[in-house]
Amino acid sequence: MVTNTNAPFGFRPFNQQDGASPTAGMDRYFIKSSDTNVYYTGDPVMLSTAAGMEGFLTVPASGSTTGQPLLGIFVGCEYYDSANSQMRYNARFPGSVGSSSPCNAYVITNPQQVFIVQGSTGGVLGSSVINMNFGFLSAQSSLGNTLSGVSAVVLASSTQTANSSFPFRLVELYANYAPPGVNGTSTGTEGYQVALVRGNNWVRNSGALTATST
């Protein structure tokens, strides 16, 4: 059996838990053009409560619980590119784009959307943890791919818990879909298993209030 290797890609849409064809519907939110955070496609995001940033997106700190529900998964943005004097679509927000206008950001907010994500080392993701809840590790979000805009966030494999405040629920193992030998399908102690998860404690299923998306 092939040993898993660390090759994260953030949270990538896979299917919907209700069995319907996935549409990966996106809602529009906003990022302040002066925001110094870098956002990659596949990053978890939340709404900021910081003074002057209320209602704008922000990148949550790495951890198991975030202090408030996640909004969803970032999947790209539009902002004014002052260097070329035109609007630009990008799979990542590079931070501080130099315009005074808010930037459009697109976020998958549906908690029934299932995502494929690689786990971290330090915990084995096997059949015994299906339906358990997990945190995520965003500490390596700055290590996302600057060319493709793809995230490097991973599921925190060692945080498996029944705690309902954790932001993701593991619903299946990728090993049950992928051919043998594909990276992430080994259930060995090296970790780095690839799993299917859905939003567990997000704005849309937590009862939390949120600013309008349009």
Protein backbone atom coordinates (compact mmCIF):
# COMPACT_ATOMS: atom_id res chain seq x y z
CA MET A 1 0.00 0.00 0.00
CA VAL A 2 1.24 3.47 -0.86
CA THR A 3 2.18 5.65 2.12
CA ASN A 4 0.32 8.95 2.31
CA THR A 5 2.28 12.14 1.71
CA ASN A 6 1.49 15.67 2.82
CA ALA A 7 0.00 17.44 -0.21
CA PRO A 8 -2.84 19.66 1.06
CA PHE A 9 -5.32 21.45 -1.21
CA GLY A 10 -7.75 23.07 1.22
CA PHE A 11 -11.46 22.22 1.20
CA ARG A 12 -12.53 21.24 -2.33
CA PRO A 13 -16.21 20.66 -3.29
CA PHE A 14 -17.01 16.97 -3.81
CA ASN A 15 -20.79 16.38 -3.70
CA GLN A 16 -23.85 17.19 -1.60
CA GLN A 17 -24.90 15.11 1.38
CA ASP A 18 -28.54 14.97 0.32
CA GLY A 19 -27.54 13.13 -2.86
CA ALA A 20 -28.35 15.95 -5.27
CA SER A 21 -25.91 16.92 -7.99
CA PRO A 22 -23.48 19.44 -6.53
CA THR A 23 -23.83 22.98 -7.83
CA ALA A 24 -21.29 24.53 -5.43
CA GLY A 25 -23.56 27.54 -5.13
CA MET A 26 -21.69 30.61 -4.04
CA ASP A 27 -22.79 33.67 -2.10
CA ARG A 28 -21.17 37.05 -2.55
CA TYR A 29 -19.57 38.73 0.43
CA PHE A 30 -16.94 41.44 0.73
CA ILE A 31 -13.29 41.82 1.70
CA LYS A 32 -11.87 45.19 2.65
CA SER A 33 -9.30 46.18 0.06
CA SER A 34 -6.96 47.14 2.89
CA ASP A 35 -7.18 43.67 4.48
CA THR A 36 -3.65 42.31 4.85
CA ASN A 37 -4.82 38.68 5.06
CA VAL A 38 -4.20 36.39 2.09
CA TYR A 39 -7.17 34.20 1.11
CA TYR A 40 -6.80 31.07 -1.00
CA THR A 41 -9.47 28.99 -2.73
CA GLY A 42 -10.36 26.30 -0.21
CA ASP A 43 -9.76 28.42 2.90
CA PRO A 44 -12.39 28.50 5.68
CA VAL A 45 -13.61 32.07 6.28
CA MET A 46 -15.77 33.87 8.79
CA LEU A 47 -17.31 37.31 9.27
CA SER A 48 -15.16 39.76 11.18
CA THR A 49 -16.36 41.43 14.37
CA ALA A 50 -13.27 43.67 14.67
CA ALA A 51 -13.80 47.43 14.87
CA GLY A 52 -14.04 48.86 11.37
CA MET A 53 -14.20 45.37 9.83
CA GLU A 54 -17.68 44.32 10.94
CA GLY A 55 -19.46 42.23 8.31
CA PHE A 56 -16.38 41.84 6.09
CA LEU A 57 -14.67 38.50 5.62
CA THR A 58 -11.70 37.48 7.71
CA VAL A 59 -9.48 34.41 8.02
CA PRO A 60 -10.19 32.50 11.25
CA ALA A 61 -7.36 31.51 13.53
CA SER A 62 -6.14 27.94 13.39
CA GLY A 63 -7.86 25.72 15.91
CA SER A 64 -10.74 23.51 16.85
CA THR A 65 -13.32 26.18 17.59
CA THR A 66 -13.22 29.68 16.22
CA GLY A 67 -15.19 31.63 18.84
CA GLN A 68 -18.02 32.05 16.36
CA PRO A 69 -19.40 29.91 13.52
CA LEU A 70 -17.60 29.70 10.20
CA LEU A 71 -19.31 31.31 7.22
CA GLY A 72 -18.04 28.80 4.67
CA ILE A 73 -15.27 28.14 2.16
CA PHE A 74 -13.64 30.87 0.08
CA VAL A 75 -13.62 30.14 -3.68
CA GLY A 76 -12.30 33.29 -5.32
CA CYS A 77 -12.70 37.04 -5.54
CA GLU A 78 -12.80 40.13 -7.73
CA TYR A 79 -10.95 43.37 -7.03
CA TYR A 80 -9.70 46.45 -8.82
CA ASP A 81 -6.18 45.92 -10.14
CA SER A 82 -4.69 49.42 -10.02
CA ALA A 83 -1.55 48.31 -11.85
CA ASN A 84 -3.62 47.43 -14.92
CA SER A 85 -6.58 49.78 -14.29
CA GLN A 86 -9.15 46.99 -14.52
CA MET A 87 -11.24 44.59 -12.46
CA ARG A 88 -9.54 41.27 -11.92
CA TYR A 89 -10.84 37.85 -10.92
CA ASN A 90 -8.42 35.82 -8.84
CA ALA A 91 -8.53 32.45 -7.10
CA ARG A 92 -6.78 34.14 -4.18
CA PHE A 93 -6.90 37.52 -2.50
CA PRO A 94 -3.27 38.69 -2.22
CA GLY A 95 -3.89 41.19 0.59
CA SER A 96 -3.91 45.00 0.52
CA VAL A 97 -4.85 45.51 -3.13
CA GLY A 98 -4.66 49.31 -2.86
CA SER A 99 -8.20 50.34 -3.76
CA SER A 100 -10.66 52.07 -1.46
CA SER A 101 -13.56 49.97 -2.79
CA PRO A 102 -14.61 46.69 -1.11
CA CYS A 103 -13.65 43.55 -3.02
CA ASN A 104 -16.20 40.92 -4.05
CA ALA A 105 -15.56 37.55 -2.45
CA TYR A 106 -17.32 34.29 -3.26
CA VAL A 107 -18.03 31.79 -0.50
CA ILE A 108 -19.72 28.38 -0.44
CA THR A 109 -21.97 28.70 2.62
CA ASN A 110 -24.16 25.59 2.23
CA PRO A 111 -23.48 23.25 5.20
CA GLN A 112 -24.81 20.30 3.16
CA GLN A 113 -22.01 20.73 0.62
CA VAL A 114 -19.47 17.93 1.06
CA PHE A 115 -15.80 18.80 0.68
CA ILE A 116 -12.74 16.66 0.15
CA VAL A 117 -9.80 17.64 2.35
CA GLN A 118 -6.51 16.15 3.49
CA GLY A 119 -5.99 15.48 7.17
CA SER A 120 -2.92 16.36 9.17
CA THR A 121 -0.41 14.08 10.80
CA GLY A 122 -0.90 13.19 14.47
CA GLY A 123 -4.19 11.36 14.06
CA VAL A 124 -5.46 8.53 11.86
CA LEU A 125 -8.72 9.10 9.98
CA GLY A 126 -10.41 5.71 9.74
CA SER A 127 -13.93 4.29 9.76
CA SER A 128 -14.14 4.64 13.55
CA VAL A 129 -14.23 8.47 13.31
CA ILE A 130 -16.98 8.80 10.70
CA ASN A 131 -19.60 11.26 12.03
CA MET A 132 -17.10 12.76 14.46
CA ASN A 133 -16.42 16.50 14.41
CA PHE A 134 -13.08 18.16 13.64
CA GLY A 135 -11.22 21.41 13.67
CA PHE A 136 -8.81 22.60 11.01
CA LEU A 137 -5.28 23.95 10.76
CA SER A 138 -5.04 27.33 9.05
CA ALA A 139 -1.55 28.10 10.35
CA GLN A 140 -0.19 27.09 6.97
CA SER A 141 -2.69 29.17 4.99
CA SER A 142 0.17 31.49 4.00
CA LEU A 143 1.74 28.46 2.32
CA GLY A 144 -1.01 28.27 -0.30
CA ASN A 145 0.00 28.14 -3.95
CA THR A 146 0.47 31.70 -5.20
CA LEU A 147 0.25 30.58 -8.85
CA SER A 148 -2.91 28.43 -8.71
CA GLY A 149 -4.45 30.17 -5.69
CA VAL A 150 -5.11 26.80 -4.03
CA SER A 151 -5.24 26.61 -0.23
CA ALA A 152 -2.91 24.61 2.01
CA VAL A 153 -5.35 24.34 4.94
CA VAL A 154 -5.86 20.84 6.34
CA LEU A 155 -8.30 19.04 8.63
CA ALA A 156 -6.90 18.71 12.16
CA SER A 157 -6.93 14.92 12.37
CA SER A 158 -6.09 14.80 16.07
CA THR A 159 -9.13 16.87 17.13
CA GLN A 160 -11.76 14.17 16.57
CA THR A 161 -14.59 14.81 19.01
CA ALA A 162 -18.35 14.69 19.53
CA ASN A 163 -18.27 18.39 20.49
CA SER A 164 -20.98 20.03 18.37
CA SER A 165 -19.18 23.38 18.28
CA PHE A 166 -16.41 22.06 16.05
CA PRO A 167 -16.73 23.35 12.48
CA PHE A 168 -16.52 20.18 10.34
CA ARG A 169 -18.11 16.72 10.44
CA LEU A 170 -16.40 13.78 8.77
CA VAL A 171 -18.95 11.90 6.66
CA GLU A 172 -16.85 9.43 4.68
CA LEU A 173 -13.30 8.41 3.77
CA TYR A 174 -11.93 9.17 0.33
CA ALA A 175 -10.48 5.63 0.34
CA ASN A 176 -14.03 4.37 -0.28
CA TYR A 177 -14.18 6.32 -3.57
CA ALA A 178 -10.64 6.51 -4.93
CA PRO A 179 -8.70 3.69 -6.57
CA PRO A 180 -6.14 1.90 -4.36
CA GLY A 181 -2.78 3.60 -4.20
CA VAL A 182 -4.08 7.14 -4.52
CA ASN A 183 -2.50 9.55 -2.07
CA GLY A 184 -4.54 9.88 1.11
CA THR A 185 -6.19 6.45 0.92
CA SER A 186 -3.83 4.63 3.29
CA THR A 187 -5.18 4.36 6.84
CA GLY A 188 -1.70 3.89 8.26
CA THR A 189 -0.28 5.72 11.25
CA GLU A 190 1.52 8.23 9.04
CA GLY A 191 -1.72 10.23 8.91
CA TYR A 192 -2.49 12.55 5.98
CA GLN A 193 -5.67 10.63 5.13
CA VAL A 194 -8.05 12.37 2.73
CA ALA A 195 -11.62 12.63 4.01
CA LEU A 196 -15.04 13.89 3.00
CA VAL A 197 -16.48 16.47 5.39
CA ARG A 198 -19.37 18.90 5.60
CA GLY A 199 -19.94 22.07 7.58
CA ASN A 200 -21.00 21.25 11.13
CA ASN A 201 -21.20 24.56 12.99
CA TRP A 202 -21.57 27.20 10.29
CA VAL A 203 -23.63 30.37 10.21
CA ARG A 204 -26.40 28.74 8.16
CA ASN A 205 -26.93 25.86 10.60
CA SER A 206 -25.89 27.44 13.89
CA GLY A 207 -28.67 29.98 14.40
CA ALA A 208 -26.13 32.81 14.35
CA LEU A 209 -27.03 36.07 12.68
CA THR A 210 -25.04 37.25 9.68
CA ALA A 211 -24.76 40.35 7.55
CA THR A 212 -26.43 40.33 4.14
CA SER A 213 -24.41 38.77 1.34
CA THR A 214 -25.40 41.28 -1.32
